[in-house]
Amino acid sequence: MISPKAAFQICQFWKKLMIKPAIYFGETFHKRFFPKVHELRYQIFQILIDIEDELSGHSYFSKNRFNLFSFYDKDHGPIQGDNKQNLSQRIRTFLDENKIKNDDCKIYLMAMPRVLGFVFNPISIYFIEDMKGEIRAILYEVNNTFGDRHTYIIKTKENIHEHNATKQLHVSPFMDTKGMEYSFKLHLPDEKFQLSINLNKVENGGKTKFLFASFKANALKFDDNELLKLFFKLPFMTLKVVFGIHWEALKIIFKGIFLKPKPPTPKSSSSIN
């Protein structure tokens, strides 16, 4: 017979395993500060899944096959085009190569799903969670519209909510890559999720803020009812993301800000921070 105290402790232990599959619906906001101010905000949603889950039992969502919404292993991973193994195997190999113990961990991914077969994820986030419910590492998988990808590896320590990373990927054609640093502030996914990113230029011992971006969202149940409602609320969302990127770029050009040449960039790369 389990005592009330033991039952409470067990309950608290399982509550500590904070990551649970969900849909996160909210608003993404971007504000450029230099050389001219420009801001945008759009509603989007992302899914949070266990990448080893088969994700079955949904009428409007499928894994590795076409549906209203879908998730394909081949859309993600540290090396583009390397699809000989499933995503879980590729991520675990990648973690092993970077000396991040993961055999006792679950791997969760937050990203936009395919909508009617189309997706583009500017940023996807992997949470590597151990059996104690602690985050061992976070991977930020960043894609640009030129077809390049970079994975920023954050080995978490005492403070998993704030971390920095040197910018490695040419993302915006209006901003430099060299000498730039990201500052991430993260609220881990539970009933809410929030990611804030400051992009700063580091020079002469100081920092100049160039860009602020955020995604603030509330958790919804991952079921067909919510998926269908979101489809009609945000039809063709992923296509609109790509259209929005180019539309906002056009507006920036009209403000007198011109494109910077793209530096040589490997199609896939990673860095540890």
Protein backbone atom coordinates (compact mmCIF):
# COMPACT_ATOMS: atom_id res chain seq x y z
CA MET A 1 0.00 0.00 0.00
CA ILE A 2 1.49 3.34 -1.05
CA SER A 3 1.36 6.03 1.59
CA PRO A 4 -0.15 9.44 0.75
CA LYS A 5 3.30 11.00 1.06
CA ALA A 6 4.84 8.49 -1.37
CA ALA A 7 1.96 8.94 -3.79
CA PHE A 8 2.48 12.71 -3.65
CA GLN A 9 6.21 12.31 -4.34
CA ILE A 10 5.55 10.02 -7.30
CA CYS A 11 3.03 12.49 -8.64
CA GLN A 12 5.53 15.34 -8.30
CA PHE A 13 8.17 13.25 -10.07
CA TRP A 14 5.98 12.65 -13.09
CA LYS A 15 4.88 16.28 -13.11
CA LYS A 16 8.54 17.17 -13.42
CA LEU A 17 8.61 15.39 -16.77
CA MET A 18 7.35 18.61 -18.23
CA ILE A 19 7.45 17.93 -21.94
CA LYS A 20 4.16 16.66 -23.36
CA PRO A 21 3.02 16.56 -27.01
CA ALA A 22 0.81 19.55 -27.78
CA ILE A 23 -0.07 22.21 -30.32
CA TYR A 24 1.22 25.70 -29.54
CA PHE A 25 -0.84 28.48 -31.11
CA GLY A 26 0.25 32.09 -30.83
CA GLU A 27 1.99 35.07 -32.40
CA THR A 28 5.42 35.54 -33.88
CA PHE A 29 6.85 39.06 -33.71
CA HIS A 30 9.94 40.54 -35.37
CA LYS A 31 11.40 44.00 -34.98
CA ARG A 32 14.49 45.31 -36.77
CA PHE A 33 16.28 48.23 -35.15
CA PHE A 34 19.09 48.89 -37.62
CA PRO A 35 19.67 50.49 -40.06
CA LYS A 36 15.94 51.30 -40.11
CA VAL A 37 13.08 50.18 -37.90
CA HIS A 38 10.78 47.55 -39.38
CA GLU A 39 8.41 45.21 -37.56
CA LEU A 40 5.92 42.45 -38.32
CA ARG A 41 3.60 40.09 -36.47
CA TYR A 42 1.76 36.98 -37.63
CA GLN A 43 -0.28 34.22 -36.05
CA ILE A 44 1.18 30.73 -36.45
CA PHE A 45 1.14 27.40 -34.64
CA GLN A 46 3.73 24.72 -34.05
CA ILE A 47 3.49 21.13 -32.92
CA LEU A 48 5.52 19.60 -30.11
CA ILE A 49 6.10 15.88 -30.59
CA ASP A 50 8.19 12.99 -29.34
CA ILE A 51 10.16 12.16 -32.50
CA GLU A 52 10.02 8.43 -31.68
CA ASP A 53 6.21 8.47 -31.45
CA GLU A 54 4.39 7.01 -34.46
CA LEU A 55 1.78 9.78 -34.09
CA SER A 56 -1.03 7.45 -35.14
CA GLY A 57 -4.72 7.71 -34.28
CA HIS A 58 -5.39 11.03 -36.04
CA SER A 59 -7.68 11.57 -39.02
CA TYR A 60 -6.07 14.85 -40.14
CA PHE A 61 -2.45 14.26 -39.17
CA SER A 62 0.02 11.63 -40.38
CA LYS A 63 3.68 10.80 -40.01
CA ASN A 64 5.71 10.34 -43.19
CA ARG A 65 2.66 10.31 -45.45
CA PHE A 66 0.39 12.96 -46.97
CA ASN A 67 -2.52 14.36 -44.98
CA LEU A 68 -4.11 17.70 -44.16
CA PHE A 69 -1.24 18.05 -41.67
CA SER A 70 1.83 15.84 -41.66
CA PHE A 71 5.30 15.43 -40.23
CA TYR A 72 8.13 13.95 -42.30
CA ASP A 73 11.41 12.78 -40.80
CA LYS A 74 13.23 13.93 -43.94
CA ASP A 75 12.29 17.57 -43.30
CA HIS A 76 14.58 17.68 -40.28
CA GLY A 77 17.99 16.61 -39.05
CA PRO A 78 21.50 18.07 -38.84
CA ILE A 79 22.51 16.99 -42.35
CA GLN A 80 20.12 17.80 -45.18
CA GLY A 81 19.49 14.96 -47.61
CA ASP A 82 20.81 12.34 -45.17
CA ASN A 83 17.70 10.18 -44.83
CA LYS A 84 19.19 6.70 -44.66
CA GLN A 85 18.03 6.48 -41.03
CA ASN A 86 14.93 7.83 -39.34
CA LEU A 87 15.11 11.18 -37.55
CA SER A 88 15.52 9.67 -34.09
CA GLN A 89 18.56 7.63 -35.14
CA ARG A 90 20.14 10.62 -36.89
CA ILE A 91 19.64 12.95 -33.93
CA ARG A 92 20.97 10.39 -31.43
CA THR A 93 24.05 9.83 -33.61
CA PHE A 94 24.51 13.59 -33.83
CA LEU A 95 24.25 13.93 -30.04
CA ASP A 96 26.76 11.09 -29.56
CA GLU A 97 29.19 12.80 -31.93
CA ASN A 98 28.92 15.95 -29.85
CA LYS A 99 29.40 14.05 -26.56
CA ILE A 100 25.86 14.57 -25.28
CA LYS A 101 24.67 11.48 -23.43
CA ASN A 102 21.17 10.62 -24.63
CA ASP A 103 20.46 6.89 -24.28
CA ASP A 104 18.30 7.65 -21.24
CA CYS A 105 16.59 10.63 -22.87
CA LYS A 106 13.47 11.43 -24.80
CA ILE A 107 13.81 13.78 -27.77
CA TYR A 108 11.04 16.29 -28.45
CA LEU A 109 10.79 18.56 -31.45
CA MET A 110 8.83 21.79 -31.82
CA ALA A 111 8.22 22.81 -35.43
CA MET A 112 5.55 23.72 -37.93
CA PRO A 113 3.98 20.68 -39.61
CA ARG A 114 3.44 20.30 -43.32
CA VAL A 115 0.12 21.78 -44.40
CA LEU A 116 -1.23 20.00 -47.48
CA GLY A 117 2.29 18.74 -48.11
CA PHE A 118 4.21 22.03 -47.83
CA VAL A 119 6.44 23.32 -45.04
CA PHE A 120 9.29 25.71 -44.39
CA ASN A 121 10.62 26.01 -40.84
CA PRO A 122 12.84 29.06 -40.20
CA ILE A 123 13.60 27.53 -36.79
CA SER A 124 12.83 24.20 -35.13
CA ILE A 125 13.75 23.32 -31.55
CA TYR A 126 14.79 19.95 -30.10
CA PHE A 127 14.53 19.37 -26.34
CA ILE A 128 16.67 16.53 -25.00
CA GLU A 129 15.00 15.51 -21.72
CA ASP A 130 16.39 12.91 -19.31
CA MET A 131 14.38 10.58 -17.09
CA LYS A 132 14.48 13.08 -14.24
CA GLY A 133 12.66 15.62 -16.36
CA GLU A 134 15.77 17.76 -16.77
CA ILE A 135 16.81 19.26 -20.10
CA ARG A 136 20.25 17.95 -21.04
CA ALA A 137 20.57 19.88 -24.30
CA ILE A 138 18.65 22.10 -26.69
CA LEU A 139 19.19 22.14 -30.45
CA TYR A 140 18.11 25.12 -32.55
CA GLU A 141 17.78 23.95 -36.16
CA VAL A 142 17.78 27.07 -38.36
CA ASN A 143 16.98 27.13 -42.09
CA ASN A 144 17.35 30.00 -44.52
CA THR A 145 15.50 30.55 -47.80
CA PHE A 146 18.68 29.72 -49.75
CA GLY A 147 18.38 26.06 -48.74
CA ASP A 148 21.06 26.09 -46.01
CA ARG A 149 20.76 24.75 -42.47
CA HIS A 150 22.70 25.26 -39.24
CA THR A 151 22.17 23.54 -35.90
CA TYR A 152 23.10 25.49 -32.77
CA ILE A 153 23.87 23.05 -29.93
CA ILE A 154 23.23 24.33 -26.41
CA LYS A 155 24.57 22.10 -23.64
CA THR A 156 22.42 23.19 -20.75
CA LYS A 157 23.76 23.75 -17.27
CA GLU A 158 22.17 25.51 -14.30
CA ASN A 159 20.30 28.07 -16.41
CA ILE A 160 18.50 26.52 -19.36
CA HIS A 161 16.38 29.60 -19.92
CA GLU A 162 19.02 31.99 -21.27
CA HIS A 163 21.96 31.28 -23.55
CA ASN A 164 24.03 32.87 -26.31
CA ALA A 165 25.32 31.63 -29.64
CA THR A 166 27.56 33.17 -32.26
CA LYS A 167 25.63 33.63 -35.51
CA GLN A 168 26.87 31.16 -38.12
CA LEU A 169 24.21 31.09 -40.84
CA HIS A 170 23.34 33.83 -43.35
CA VAL A 171 19.61 34.09 -42.59
CA SER A 172 18.48 37.61 -43.50
CA PRO A 173 19.96 39.01 -46.74
CA PHE A 174 19.83 42.44 -45.10
CA MET A 175 22.16 41.63 -42.20
CA ASP A 176 25.75 40.51 -41.74
CA THR A 177 26.71 37.17 -40.28
CA LYS A 178 30.23 37.95 -39.09
CA GLY A 179 30.44 39.62 -35.70
CA MET A 180 26.81 38.88 -34.79
CA GLU A 181 25.56 37.05 -31.70
CA TYR A 182 22.19 35.56 -30.75
CA SER A 183 20.83 35.85 -27.22
CA PHE A 184 18.08 33.28 -26.55
CA LYS A 185 15.54 33.47 -23.74
CA LEU A 186 13.35 30.40 -23.41
CA HIS A 187 10.25 29.50 -21.42
CA LEU A 188 10.08 25.71 -21.61
CA PRO A 189 6.85 24.33 -23.10
CA ASP A 190 4.05 23.59 -20.63
CA GLU A 191 0.71 25.42 -20.63
CA LYS A 192 2.54 28.24 -22.43
CA PHE A 193 5.64 28.56 -24.55
CA GLN A 194 7.82 31.56 -25.25
CA LEU A 195 11.03 32.02 -27.17
CA SER A 196 12.70 35.43 -27.47
CA ILE A 197 15.79 36.06 -29.58
CA ASN A 198 17.92 39.19 -29.67
CA LEU A 199 20.45 39.53 -32.48
CA ASN A 200 23.31 41.84 -31.53
CA LYS A 201 26.41 43.08 -33.32
CA VAL A 202 29.44 42.67 -31.08
CA GLU A 203 32.21 45.20 -31.63
CA ASN A 204 34.64 47.33 -29.60
CA GLY A 205 33.60 45.60 -26.38
CA GLY A 206 29.93 46.58 -26.78
CA LYS A 207 26.74 45.29 -28.37
CA THR A 208 24.32 46.95 -30.80
CA LYS A 209 20.83 45.46 -31.00
CA PHE A 210 19.88 44.70 -34.60
CA LEU A 211 16.83 42.46 -34.27
CA PHE A 212 14.32 41.15 -31.73
CA ALA A 213 12.15 38.12 -32.55
CA SER A 214 9.70 36.17 -30.41
CA PHE A 215 7.08 33.45 -30.46
CA LYS A 216 4.51 33.45 -27.65
CA ALA A 217 1.94 30.67 -27.61
CA ASN A 218 -0.60 28.76 -25.56
CA ALA A 219 -0.83 24.98 -25.51
CA LEU A 220 -3.77 23.22 -27.16
CA LYS A 221 -4.60 19.55 -27.08
CA PHE A 222 -3.03 17.62 -29.95
CA ASP A 223 -6.20 16.18 -31.46
CA ASP A 224 -8.22 16.25 -34.68
CA ASN A 225 -10.68 18.80 -33.37
CA GLU A 226 -7.98 21.41 -32.68
CA LEU A 227 -6.15 20.63 -35.92
CA LEU A 228 -9.27 21.12 -38.01
CA LYS A 229 -10.10 24.40 -36.28
CA LEU A 230 -6.56 25.66 -36.91
CA PHE A 231 -6.71 24.70 -40.57
CA PHE A 232 -9.71 26.95 -41.12
CA LYS A 233 -8.26 29.66 -38.87
CA LEU A 234 -4.87 29.64 -40.61
CA PRO A 235 -5.36 27.97 -44.02
CA PHE A 236 -2.14 27.31 -45.96
CA MET A 237 -0.14 28.64 -42.99
CA THR A 238 3.25 27.30 -44.09
CA LEU A 239 2.87 28.71 -47.60
CA LYS A 240 1.95 32.07 -46.05
CA VAL A 241 5.15 31.97 -43.98
CA VAL A 242 7.29 31.83 -47.13
CA PHE A 243 5.14 34.46 -48.86
CA GLY A 244 5.40 36.65 -45.75
CA ILE A 245 9.20 36.39 -45.67
CA HIS A 246 9.45 37.65 -49.25
CA TRP A 247 6.71 40.28 -48.82
CA GLU A 248 8.41 41.75 -45.77
CA ALA A 249 11.74 41.68 -47.63
CA LEU A 250 10.16 43.73 -50.41
CA LYS A 251 8.88 46.29 -47.90
CA ILE A 252 12.37 46.52 -46.36
CA ILE A 253 13.86 47.23 -49.80
CA PHE A 254 11.29 50.01 -50.28
CA LYS A 255 12.65 51.54 -47.07
CA GLY A 256 16.02 51.89 -48.75
CA ILE A 257 17.78 48.88 -47.21
CA PHE A 258 19.54 46.75 -49.80
CA LEU A 259 20.68 43.16 -49.97
CA LYS A 260 24.05 42.06 -48.68
CA PRO A 261 26.01 39.46 -50.66
CA LYS A 262 25.58 35.92 -49.39
CA PRO A 263 28.84 34.54 -47.97
CA PRO A 264 29.91 30.97 -48.84
CA THR A 265 27.88 28.67 -46.59
CA PRO A 266 27.84 24.88 -46.26
CA LYS A 267 24.44 23.32 -46.89
CA SER A 268 24.53 21.77 -43.42
CA SER A 269 26.62 22.72 -40.40
CA SER A 270 26.55 22.88 -36.61
CA SER A 271 28.21 24.63 -33.68
CA ILE A 272 28.38 24.06 -29.93
CA ASN A 273 27.71 26.95 -27.56
